[in-house]
Amino acid sequence: MEASQILVTFLVNAAWQIPFIAAIAAAGSKLMRGAPAGYRHLVWVAALGLSLGIPLLSSLSGGQNREAAKSVRPSASLHESAPADGQGGFSKVGFSLRIRRHIRFVPLAPFLKWVLIGSYLGLIFNRAIKIGGAIRCTLRFRNRAYLRALPGDLAAVAKRCTDKFLVRDVEIACVPMAVGPVTVSFGHPLLILPERFFIAVSEADFSCALCHELAHIKRGDFLLNLVYELVYLPIWFHPAASLVKARIDVTRELACDEAAVRSLAAGGRRSYARSLLSIAQSLEPDSSFGKPNYALGLFDTNSLEERIMNLIGKTDHLATTWAIMLAGVALSLLTTTALAVSAFSLQATQAASIAVDAKQFVGTWTAEHEGTPFIVLDLRSEKGKLAGGMRMAGNFHMDNEGSGVNIEITNDTLLESLPVRDFRIRDKSLTFDFKDPDGDQTHWKLEVTGAGAGRLSWVGLPDGIKDVPLPVTRSPGKDPE
């Protein structure tokens, strides 16, 4: 499968699969509204990973045209005994294929495909440039910081807070033009404060800001945020993916707020909420270096109202056991739904045009055994597209164990022709879908090997069953002009 085909298929599946995943994550998060924010954060992180992984899985696995799962009987041969009423029956593989992956092929004109690829790559390149610029901005911001000693009373507060979080290697620095407290964790964690935090801040507000930033450091949020950005990069164009990433950012701040509240000796949630409001009211962004993009600040997500309501709206969260149970239910629901969504995938393909590559396949292709036809594939041109049907002998036995194929025809009457559809062309190979008289959907491949000669094979046989192509010939009278 070509890289361009994989990329287009990824985009087509991402367009509809990501909203499903985001919706289930939202439902799971709502189910856990009484649980600590850290558990809801995990659900949204899982949703981000699945939002990238499920479309990618669909694009890679779908290209092989294999069923997701197969149930195999002990006998691995093509055989079906005659019906009890003596009428001819349709032969089929002695194992049954339980079709769990449903693929719908979407034909795309080459021009549209390359426009889609070009637009996507342009967007990704633009986003990557912005990420690189944001990282450089963050590094410049850090380089402007200089270590500065805290006043005695604030130094004592800082020691109590670092002892609570068991984080003792944090350096505290100052950037006069900083908007608010931020954490940068390239190498050793560095807590950067604006100048007013060294000269005009209450102990309560200082404790609030410091504990929040120490929670980021304890959780490793700085590096995790960069990881999430890399996962988000291939799907950032999708509004549903943007929602998932935004909820990751918000729930991360909520989790740090809750961790900070637990570490404070007195005051509790309402005191912490008042400090948040007090610090927010004192913010005065007046410098291009005041808002580093990837440093984790106290007010990065513009979600102050939600954070305040999370603090004062409820006095107690669910017990840890119940919270873990709800998180398990939400994650299980999310994963199960994502896997179910992955079973239904779209595969982008170029429409078969008779004017170009499809002409070589038009005709009547016949597989014979000892002069007796048992598979006949009729292909024709209709309005510049391929169409046709396939007939099979009423009853035949194919044993593809061993070195070759042993064929035994017990009823050579050809059954009614059933349509073949969803043609995909690659060079001299044509794959298509066929629904047999029993209603089983199967995938086939026709390869042109010479003038009027080819090979017909059943694609997607279970592991352990060899795919042995059948030689076929095209009727001379059906050769395309």
Protein backbone atom coordinates (compact mmCIF):
# COMPACT_ATOMS: atom_id res chain seq x y z
CA MET A 1 0.00 0.00 0.00
CA GLU A 2 1.48 3.35 -1.03
CA ALA A 3 2.35 5.97 1.58
CA SER A 4 0.00 8.46 -0.08
CA GLN A 5 -2.83 5.92 0.08
CA ILE A 6 -2.17 5.27 3.77
CA LEU A 7 -2.13 8.99 4.52
CA VAL A 8 -5.40 9.72 2.71
CA THR A 9 -7.05 6.72 4.36
CA PHE A 10 -5.83 7.99 7.75
CA LEU A 11 -7.39 11.40 7.10
CA VAL A 12 -10.69 9.95 5.89
CA ASN A 13 -11.03 7.76 8.98
CA ALA A 14 -9.85 10.46 11.37
CA ALA A 15 -12.62 12.75 10.10
CA TRP A 16 -15.36 10.54 11.56
CA GLN A 17 -13.64 8.34 14.17
CA ILE A 18 -12.19 11.12 16.34
CA PRO A 19 -15.62 12.71 17.09
CA PHE A 20 -16.90 9.33 18.33
CA ILE A 21 -13.89 8.93 20.63
CA ALA A 22 -14.22 12.50 21.91
CA ALA A 23 -17.94 12.02 22.61
CA ILE A 24 -17.32 8.85 24.65
CA ALA A 25 -14.50 10.56 26.56
CA ALA A 26 -16.87 13.44 27.36
CA ALA A 27 -19.50 10.98 28.59
CA GLY A 28 -16.93 9.18 30.72
CA SER A 29 -15.65 12.46 32.15
CA LYS A 30 -19.20 13.48 33.03
CA LEU A 31 -19.72 10.11 34.70
CA MET A 32 -16.65 10.89 36.83
CA ARG A 33 -17.60 14.48 37.68
CA GLY A 34 -17.43 13.66 41.40
CA ALA A 35 -13.99 12.03 41.11
CA PRO A 36 -10.68 13.87 41.51
CA ALA A 37 -9.61 15.72 38.38
CA GLY A 38 -6.52 13.54 37.99
CA TYR A 39 -8.71 10.56 37.04
CA ARG A 40 -10.62 12.62 34.49
CA HIS A 41 -7.28 13.79 33.13
CA LEU A 42 -6.31 10.15 32.48
CA VAL A 43 -9.50 9.58 30.49
CA TRP A 44 -8.79 12.56 28.23
CA VAL A 45 -5.16 11.49 27.78
CA ALA A 46 -6.36 8.04 26.71
CA ALA A 47 -8.81 9.70 24.31
CA LEU A 48 -5.96 11.66 22.71
CA GLY A 49 -3.91 8.51 22.19
CA LEU A 50 -6.88 6.67 20.71
CA SER A 51 -7.75 9.64 18.49
CA LEU A 52 -4.41 9.14 16.78
CA GLY A 53 -4.07 5.36 17.14
CA ILE A 54 -7.48 4.23 15.85
CA PRO A 55 -7.38 6.09 12.49
CA LEU A 56 -3.76 5.01 12.08
CA LEU A 57 -4.71 1.38 12.77
CA SER A 58 -7.53 1.61 10.25
CA SER A 59 -5.23 3.00 7.57
CA LEU A 60 -2.52 0.38 8.08
CA SER A 61 -4.60 -2.76 8.64
CA GLY A 62 -7.21 -1.92 6.02
CA GLY A 63 -4.62 -1.84 3.28
CA GLN A 64 -4.05 -5.56 3.64
CA ASN A 65 -7.74 -6.35 3.09
CA ARG A 66 -7.68 -8.93 5.85
CA GLU A 67 -10.48 -9.72 8.29
CA ALA A 68 -9.82 -8.69 11.87
CA ALA A 69 -10.67 -12.12 13.23
CA LYS A 70 -11.32 -15.54 11.81
CA SER A 71 -12.83 -18.70 13.23
CA VAL A 72 -11.20 -21.84 11.86
CA ARG A 73 -12.68 -25.28 11.85
CA PRO A 74 -10.40 -28.36 12.16
CA SER A 75 -10.54 -29.04 8.41
CA ALA A 76 -8.77 -26.40 6.32
CA SER A 77 -10.15 -27.30 2.91
CA LEU A 78 -12.71 -25.95 0.48
CA HIS A 79 -15.66 -28.27 0.80
CA GLU A 80 -19.39 -28.32 1.26
CA SER A 81 -21.47 -31.47 0.96
CA ALA A 82 -24.58 -31.50 -1.19
CA PRO A 83 -27.80 -30.36 0.48
CA ALA A 84 -30.17 -32.98 1.79
CA ASP A 85 -32.75 -32.20 -0.89
CA GLY A 86 -30.30 -33.24 -3.58
CA GLN A 87 -30.06 -29.78 -5.10
CA GLY A 88 -26.70 -28.37 -6.02
CA GLY A 89 -25.13 -26.27 -3.31
CA PHE A 90 -22.49 -23.60 -3.31
CA SER A 91 -19.10 -24.73 -2.17
CA LYS A 92 -17.24 -22.66 0.35
CA VAL A 93 -14.22 -22.82 2.56
CA GLY A 94 -14.38 -25.45 5.26
CA PHE A 95 -13.69 -22.74 7.82
CA SER A 96 -16.01 -19.82 8.42
CA LEU A 97 -14.95 -16.18 8.25
CA ARG A 98 -16.48 -14.08 11.01
CA ILE A 99 -16.27 -10.65 9.48
CA ARG A 100 -15.50 -8.21 12.26
CA ARG A 101 -13.79 -5.54 10.18
CA HIS A 102 -16.14 -3.74 7.83
CA ILE A 103 -14.40 -1.76 5.12
CA ARG A 104 -16.06 0.70 2.78
CA PHE A 105 -13.97 1.87 -0.14
CA VAL A 106 -14.18 5.55 -1.03
CA PRO A 107 -13.05 6.39 -4.57
CA LEU A 108 -11.08 9.63 -4.85
CA ALA A 109 -9.92 11.36 -8.00
CA PRO A 110 -6.11 11.68 -8.13
CA PHE A 111 -6.35 15.49 -8.17
CA LEU A 112 -8.52 15.54 -5.04
CA LYS A 113 -6.22 13.06 -3.31
CA TRP A 114 -3.13 15.17 -3.87
CA VAL A 115 -4.92 18.38 -2.90
CA LEU A 116 -5.90 16.71 0.36
CA ILE A 117 -2.37 15.44 0.98
CA GLY A 118 -0.80 18.80 0.11
CA SER A 119 -3.18 20.72 2.37
CA TYR A 120 -2.60 18.33 5.27
CA LEU A 121 1.18 18.38 4.96
CA GLY A 122 1.08 22.17 4.74
CA LEU A 123 -0.95 22.39 7.95
CA ILE A 124 1.33 19.95 9.76
CA PHE A 125 4.43 21.82 8.62
CA ASN A 126 2.92 25.11 9.78
CA ARG A 127 2.04 23.62 13.16
CA ALA A 128 5.51 22.09 13.54
CA ILE A 129 7.09 25.48 12.82
CA LYS A 130 4.91 27.05 15.52
CA ILE A 131 5.86 24.36 18.03
CA GLY A 132 9.54 24.91 17.28
CA GLY A 133 9.10 28.66 17.70
CA ALA A 134 7.23 28.16 20.97
CA ILE A 135 10.03 25.96 22.34
CA ARG A 136 12.63 28.57 21.35
CA CYS A 137 10.53 31.27 23.02
CA THR A 138 10.38 29.18 26.20
CA LEU A 139 14.15 28.68 26.17
CA ARG A 140 14.73 32.41 25.70
CA PHE A 141 12.38 33.09 28.58
CA ARG A 142 14.31 30.68 30.78
CA ASN A 143 17.63 32.24 29.78
CA ARG A 144 16.37 35.63 30.98
CA ALA A 145 15.71 34.23 34.45
CA TYR A 146 18.19 34.83 37.26
CA LEU A 147 18.29 33.22 40.68
CA ARG A 148 17.00 35.43 43.46
CA ALA A 149 16.69 34.82 47.17
CA LEU A 150 13.26 34.97 48.75
CA PRO A 151 12.54 37.14 51.79
CA GLY A 152 12.74 35.28 55.08
CA ASP A 153 9.00 34.72 55.57
CA LEU A 154 8.48 33.55 51.97
CA ALA A 155 11.58 31.34 52.18
CA ALA A 156 10.01 29.54 55.12
CA VAL A 157 6.79 29.09 53.14
CA ALA A 158 8.76 27.72 50.21
CA LYS A 159 10.51 25.19 52.43
CA ARG A 160 7.23 23.97 53.91
CA CYS A 161 5.72 23.55 50.43
CA THR A 162 8.70 21.72 48.96
CA ASP A 163 8.77 19.41 51.99
CA LYS A 164 5.08 18.63 51.45
CA PHE A 165 5.67 17.64 47.82
CA LEU A 166 9.03 15.94 48.55
CA VAL A 167 10.63 18.08 45.83
CA ARG A 168 13.89 19.64 47.01
CA ASP A 169 15.92 20.38 43.89
CA VAL A 170 13.70 23.19 42.59
CA GLU A 171 15.43 26.48 41.90
CA ILE A 172 13.48 29.72 42.25
CA ALA A 173 14.32 32.48 39.78
CA CYS A 174 12.98 35.84 38.71
CA VAL A 175 11.98 37.34 35.38
CA PRO A 176 10.74 40.89 36.06
CA MET A 177 8.40 40.96 33.06
CA ALA A 178 6.84 37.54 33.68
CA VAL A 179 3.04 37.55 33.70
CA GLY A 180 2.77 35.09 36.57
CA PRO A 181 4.43 32.06 38.17
CA VAL A 182 5.59 29.44 35.65
CA THR A 183 7.55 26.21 35.71
CA VAL A 184 10.20 25.20 33.17
CA SER A 185 11.62 21.69 33.45
CA PHE A 186 14.41 21.43 30.93
CA GLY A 187 16.94 19.60 33.08
CA HIS A 188 16.44 20.67 36.68
CA PRO A 189 13.01 22.19 37.37
CA LEU A 190 13.02 25.95 37.56
CA LEU A 191 10.21 27.96 39.14
CA ILE A 192 10.13 31.46 37.64
CA LEU A 193 8.32 34.26 39.47
CA PRO A 194 7.62 37.86 38.47
CA GLU A 195 9.40 40.52 40.53
CA ARG A 196 6.34 41.48 42.56
CA PHE A 197 6.32 37.97 44.09
CA PHE A 198 9.57 38.85 45.84
CA ILE A 199 8.42 42.19 47.23
CA ALA A 200 4.62 42.49 47.37
CA VAL A 201 2.73 39.23 47.76
CA SER A 202 0.87 37.74 50.72
CA GLU A 203 1.94 34.41 52.19
CA ALA A 204 -1.43 32.91 51.23
CA ASP A 205 -1.08 33.94 47.58
CA PHE A 206 2.55 32.82 47.50
CA SER A 207 1.63 29.42 48.96
CA CYS A 208 -1.16 29.03 46.41
CA ALA A 209 1.11 29.76 43.45
CA LEU A 210 4.07 27.77 44.74
CA CYS A 211 2.07 24.64 45.59
CA HIS A 212 0.34 24.71 42.21
CA GLU A 213 3.67 24.87 40.38
CA LEU A 214 5.21 22.19 42.62
CA ALA A 215 2.27 19.94 41.72
CA HIS A 216 3.20 20.36 38.05
CA ILE A 217 6.77 19.38 38.86
CA LYS A 218 5.72 16.39 40.97
CA ARG A 219 3.46 15.11 38.20
CA GLY A 220 6.07 15.64 35.46
CA ASP A 221 3.61 17.78 33.51
CA PHE A 222 6.22 19.77 31.61
CA LEU A 223 7.63 16.80 29.68
CA LEU A 224 4.24 15.12 29.44
CA ASN A 225 2.84 18.26 27.85
CA LEU A 226 5.48 18.06 25.13
CA VAL A 227 4.60 14.39 24.55
CA TYR A 228 0.92 15.27 24.24
CA GLU A 229 1.81 17.98 21.73
CA LEU A 230 3.66 15.45 19.57
CA VAL A 231 0.72 13.02 19.70
CA TYR A 232 -1.68 15.87 18.94
CA LEU A 233 0.37 17.18 16.00
CA PRO A 234 -0.90 14.74 13.29
CA ILE A 235 -4.56 15.40 14.22
CA TRP A 236 -4.47 19.01 15.40
CA PHE A 237 -6.53 20.11 12.37
CA HIS A 238 -9.60 18.26 13.70
CA PRO A 239 -11.97 20.28 15.95
CA ALA A 240 -12.79 17.21 18.05
CA ALA A 241 -9.08 16.58 18.62
CA SER A 242 -8.70 20.22 19.67
CA LEU A 243 -11.47 19.67 22.22
CA VAL A 244 -9.70 16.59 23.60
CA LYS A 245 -6.40 18.47 23.91
CA ALA A 246 -8.12 21.44 25.58
CA ARG A 247 -9.71 19.13 28.16
CA ILE A 248 -6.32 17.56 28.87
CA ASP A 249 -4.94 21.03 29.62
CA VAL A 250 -7.87 22.04 31.81
CA THR A 251 -8.04 18.81 33.82
CA ARG A 252 -4.27 19.03 34.36
CA GLU A 253 -4.77 22.45 36.00
CA LEU A 254 -7.70 21.15 38.04
CA ALA A 255 -5.59 18.23 39.27
CA CYS A 256 -2.78 20.58 40.30
CA ASP A 257 -5.26 22.81 42.12
CA GLU A 258 -6.54 19.83 44.08
CA ALA A 259 -3.00 18.68 44.88
CA ALA A 260 -2.13 22.19 46.06
CA VAL A 261 -5.21 22.36 48.30
CA ARG A 262 -4.31 19.03 49.91
CA SER A 263 -0.80 20.30 50.69
CA LEU A 264 -1.87 23.55 52.37
CA ALA A 265 -1.90 23.44 56.14
CA ALA A 266 -4.94 25.62 56.59
CA GLY A 267 -7.60 27.54 54.70
CA GLY A 268 -8.75 24.78 52.39
CA ARG A 269 -10.50 25.19 49.09
CA ARG A 270 -12.08 28.59 49.61
CA SER A 271 -8.85 30.20 50.76
CA TYR A 272 -7.04 28.74 47.75
CA ALA A 273 -9.80 29.99 45.43
CA ARG A 274 -9.53 33.52 46.91
CA SER A 275 -5.78 33.44 46.30
CA LEU A 276 -6.31 32.39 42.70
CA LEU A 277 -8.64 35.34 42.17
CA SER A 278 -6.23 37.70 43.89
CA ILE A 279 -3.30 36.61 41.73
CA ALA A 280 -5.42 36.74 38.57
CA GLN A 281 -6.47 40.31 39.30
CA SER A 282 -2.83 41.34 39.70
CA LEU A 283 -1.70 40.02 36.32
CA GLU A 284 -0.34 42.72 34.05
CA PRO A 285 1.09 41.26 30.85
CA ASP A 286 3.40 43.93 29.47
CA SER A 287 6.19 42.07 27.70
CA SER A 288 6.66 39.72 24.76
CA PHE A 289 8.63 37.54 27.18
CA GLY A 290 5.81 37.48 29.70
CA LYS A 291 4.00 34.41 28.36
CA PRO A 292 6.35 31.53 27.43
CA ASN A 293 4.43 29.01 25.34
CA TYR A 294 5.48 25.71 26.90
CA ALA A 295 6.28 26.78 30.44
CA LEU A 296 3.45 25.71 32.73
CA GLY A 297 1.90 28.78 34.29
CA LEU A 298 -0.78 29.33 36.85
CA PHE A 299 -3.31 30.66 34.30
CA ASP A 300 -2.39 28.98 31.02
CA THR A 301 -5.76 27.52 30.05
CA ASN A 302 -8.14 30.48 30.49
CA SER A 303 -10.31 28.26 32.69
CA LEU A 304 -10.30 30.26 35.90
CA GLU A 305 -14.07 30.10 36.32
CA GLU A 306 -14.14 26.31 35.97
CA ARG A 307 -11.25 25.99 38.39
CA ILE A 308 -12.96 28.16 40.99
CA MET A 309 -16.20 26.18 40.65
CA ASN A 310 -14.27 22.92 40.97
CA LEU A 311 -12.79 24.20 44.22
CA ILE A 312 -15.88 25.62 45.91
CA GLY A 313 -18.66 23.67 44.21
CA LYS A 314 -18.02 20.51 46.20
CA THR A 315 -16.52 20.09 49.60
CA ASP A 316 -15.67 16.40 49.22
CA HIS A 317 -14.81 14.19 46.29
CA LEU A 318 -15.71 10.54 45.93
CA ALA A 319 -13.82 8.04 48.01
CA THR A 320 -10.65 6.80 46.34
CA THR A 321 -12.06 3.30 45.79
CA TRP A 322 -15.15 4.63 44.02
CA ALA A 323 -13.07 7.06 42.00
CA ILE A 324 -10.79 4.26 40.81
CA MET A 325 -13.81 2.12 39.92
CA LEU A 326 -15.41 4.94 37.94
CA ALA A 327 -12.11 5.62 36.17
CA GLY A 328 -11.88 1.94 35.25
CA VAL A 329 -15.43 1.97 33.89
CA ALA A 330 -14.81 5.14 31.89
CA LEU A 331 -11.53 3.86 30.43
CA SER A 332 -13.08 0.49 29.59
CA LEU A 333 -16.03 2.19 27.89
CA LEU A 334 -13.68 4.44 25.95
CA THR A 335 -11.39 1.62 24.83
CA THR A 336 -14.24 -0.71 23.90
CA THR A 337 -15.98 1.97 21.87
CA ALA A 338 -12.75 2.91 20.12
CA LEU A 339 -12.11 -0.71 19.13
CA ALA A 340 -15.69 -1.01 17.91
CA VAL A 341 -15.25 2.14 15.85
CA SER A 342 -12.03 0.74 14.37
CA ALA A 343 -13.98 -2.24 13.01
CA PHE A 344 -15.76 0.13 10.63
CA SER A 345 -13.24 1.87 8.44
CA LEU A 346 -13.13 3.74 5.17
CA GLN A 347 -10.41 3.01 2.64
CA ALA A 348 -9.57 5.69 0.12
CA THR A 349 -8.94 4.29 -3.34
CA GLN A 350 -8.65 5.55 -6.86
CA ALA A 351 -11.77 4.96 -8.92
CA ALA A 352 -11.29 2.34 -11.61
CA SER A 353 -11.34 4.12 -14.95
CA ILE A 354 -11.68 2.07 -18.16
CA ALA A 355 -9.70 4.72 -20.05
CA VAL A 356 -6.53 4.03 -18.06
CA ASP A 357 -5.64 0.97 -16.00
CA ALA A 358 -8.90 -0.96 -15.91
CA LYS A 359 -8.97 -1.80 -19.61
CA GLN A 360 -6.57 -4.72 -19.15
CA PHE A 361 -9.07 -6.52 -16.89
CA VAL A 362 -12.17 -6.36 -19.12
CA GLY A 363 -13.25 -9.78 -20.35
CA THR A 364 -14.39 -13.20 -19.16
CA TRP A 365 -11.85 -14.92 -16.94
CA THR A 366 -12.29 -18.66 -16.44
CA ALA A 367 -10.69 -21.07 -13.98
CA GLU A 368 -10.87 -24.68 -15.24
CA HIS A 369 -10.01 -28.10 -13.90
CA GLU A 370 -9.49 -30.86 -16.47
CA GLY A 371 -11.45 -28.82 -19.00
CA THR A 372 -14.38 -28.09 -16.65
CA PRO A 373 -14.99 -24.44 -15.66
CA PHE A 374 -15.69 -23.97 -11.96
CA ILE A 375 -15.13 -20.19 -11.52
CA VAL A 376 -16.06 -17.60 -14.15
CA LEU A 377 -15.40 -13.89 -13.62
CA ASP A 378 -17.07 -11.50 -16.09
CA LEU A 379 -15.76 -7.93 -16.15
CA ARG A 380 -17.08 -5.16 -18.37
CA SER A 381 -17.02 -1.41 -18.80
CA GLU A 382 -20.00 0.70 -17.75
CA LYS A 383 -19.72 4.48 -18.13
CA GLY A 384 -15.96 4.35 -17.83
CA LYS A 385 -16.02 2.18 -14.69
CA LEU A 386 -15.56 -1.52 -14.10
CA ALA A 387 -18.57 -3.70 -13.33
CA GLY A 388 -19.27 -7.40 -13.48
CA GLY A 389 -20.17 -10.59 -11.69
CA MET A 390 -18.76 -13.98 -10.73
CA ARG A 391 -20.21 -17.50 -11.07
CA MET A 392 -19.07 -20.65 -9.32
CA ALA A 393 -19.74 -24.34 -9.79
CA GLY A 394 -22.53 -25.76 -7.67
CA ASN A 395 -20.21 -27.95 -5.64
CA PHE A 396 -16.47 -28.38 -5.72
CA HIS A 397 -13.72 -29.33 -3.32
CA MET A 398 -10.39 -27.48 -3.08
CA ASP A 399 -7.65 -28.79 -0.82
CA ASN A 400 -4.83 -26.26 -0.58
CA GLU A 401 -2.81 -28.18 1.97
CA GLY A 402 0.49 -29.60 0.82
CA SER A 403 2.48 -28.38 -2.17
CA GLY A 404 -0.38 -27.46 -4.49
CA VAL A 405 -4.14 -27.33 -4.96
CA ASN A 406 -6.20 -30.49 -5.40
CA ILE A 407 -9.56 -29.79 -7.02
CA GLU A 408 -12.54 -32.13 -7.20
CA ILE A 409 -15.75 -30.95 -8.91
CA THR A 410 -18.89 -32.85 -7.93
CA ASN A 411 -21.43 -30.48 -9.49
CA ASP A 412 -20.20 -28.51 -12.50
CA THR A 413 -23.40 -26.48 -12.94
CA LEU A 414 -22.50 -22.82 -12.74
CA LEU A 415 -24.69 -20.93 -10.31
CA GLU A 416 -26.25 -17.55 -10.98
CA SER A 417 -23.80 -14.71 -11.46
CA LEU A 418 -23.49 -12.48 -8.40
CA PRO A 419 -22.08 -8.94 -8.61
CA VAL A 420 -18.52 -8.02 -7.76
CA ARG A 421 -17.83 -4.50 -6.52
CA ASP A 422 -15.40 -2.10 -4.86
CA PHE A 423 -12.63 -2.45 -7.42
CA ARG A 424 -9.09 -1.37 -6.49
CA ILE A 425 -6.37 -1.29 -9.13
CA ARG A 426 -2.64 -1.34 -8.63
CA ASP A 427 -0.49 -1.91 -11.70
CA LYS A 428 -1.58 -5.30 -13.09
CA SER A 429 -3.50 -6.32 -9.97
CA LEU A 430 -7.24 -5.89 -9.40
CA THR A 431 -8.85 -6.56 -6.02
CA PHE A 432 -12.59 -6.65 -5.48
CA ASP A 433 -15.31 -7.79 -3.08
CA PHE A 434 -17.74 -10.62 -3.67
CA LYS A 435 -20.72 -11.73 -1.62
CA ASP A 436 -21.35 -15.44 -2.18
CA PRO A 437 -24.83 -17.08 -2.22
CA ASP A 438 -24.51 -17.75 1.51
CA GLY A 439 -24.10 -14.02 2.13
CA ASP A 440 -20.44 -14.20 3.16
CA GLN A 441 -18.36 -11.20 2.09
CA THR A 442 -15.01 -12.24 0.60
CA HIS A 443 -12.10 -10.42 -1.01
CA TRP A 444 -10.48 -11.54 -4.25
CA LYS A 445 -7.53 -10.54 -6.39
CA LEU A 446 -7.01 -10.90 -10.14
CA GLU A 447 -3.49 -10.54 -11.49
CA VAL A 448 -2.72 -10.23 -15.19
CA THR A 449 0.35 -12.35 -15.98
CA GLY A 450 0.34 -12.21 -19.77
CA ALA A 451 -1.79 -11.83 -22.88
CA GLY A 452 -5.12 -13.40 -21.96
CA ALA A 453 -3.68 -15.10 -18.85
CA GLY A 454 -3.88 -14.34 -15.16
CA ARG A 455 -4.17 -15.65 -11.62
CA LEU A 456 -7.20 -15.48 -9.34
CA SER A 457 -6.79 -15.76 -5.57
CA TRP A 458 -8.88 -15.47 -2.44
CA VAL A 459 -7.45 -12.68 -0.26
CA GLY A 460 -7.59 -12.75 3.53
CA LEU A 461 -7.32 -16.46 4.30
CA PRO A 462 -6.68 -17.29 7.96
CA ASP A 463 -3.15 -17.74 9.21
CA GLY A 464 -1.85 -21.20 8.40
CA ILE A 465 -3.91 -21.55 5.19
CA LYS A 466 -1.86 -20.95 2.07
CA ASP A 467 -3.09 -18.59 -0.60
CA VAL A 468 -2.56 -20.60 -3.80
CA PRO A 469 -3.59 -18.58 -6.88
CA LEU A 470 -5.72 -20.30 -9.51
CA PRO A 471 -4.64 -19.90 -13.15
CA VAL A 472 -7.33 -18.23 -15.27
CA THR A 473 -7.64 -17.45 -18.96
CA ARG A 474 -9.53 -14.68 -20.66
CA SER A 475 -11.82 -15.56 -23.56
CA PRO A 476 -10.32 -14.24 -26.81
CA GLY A 477 -13.62 -12.76 -27.88
CA LYS A 478 -13.72 -10.59 -24.74
CA ASP A 479 -10.35 -8.88 -25.17
CA PRO A 480 -10.68 -5.12 -24.90
CA GLU A 481 -10.22 -3.05 -27.96
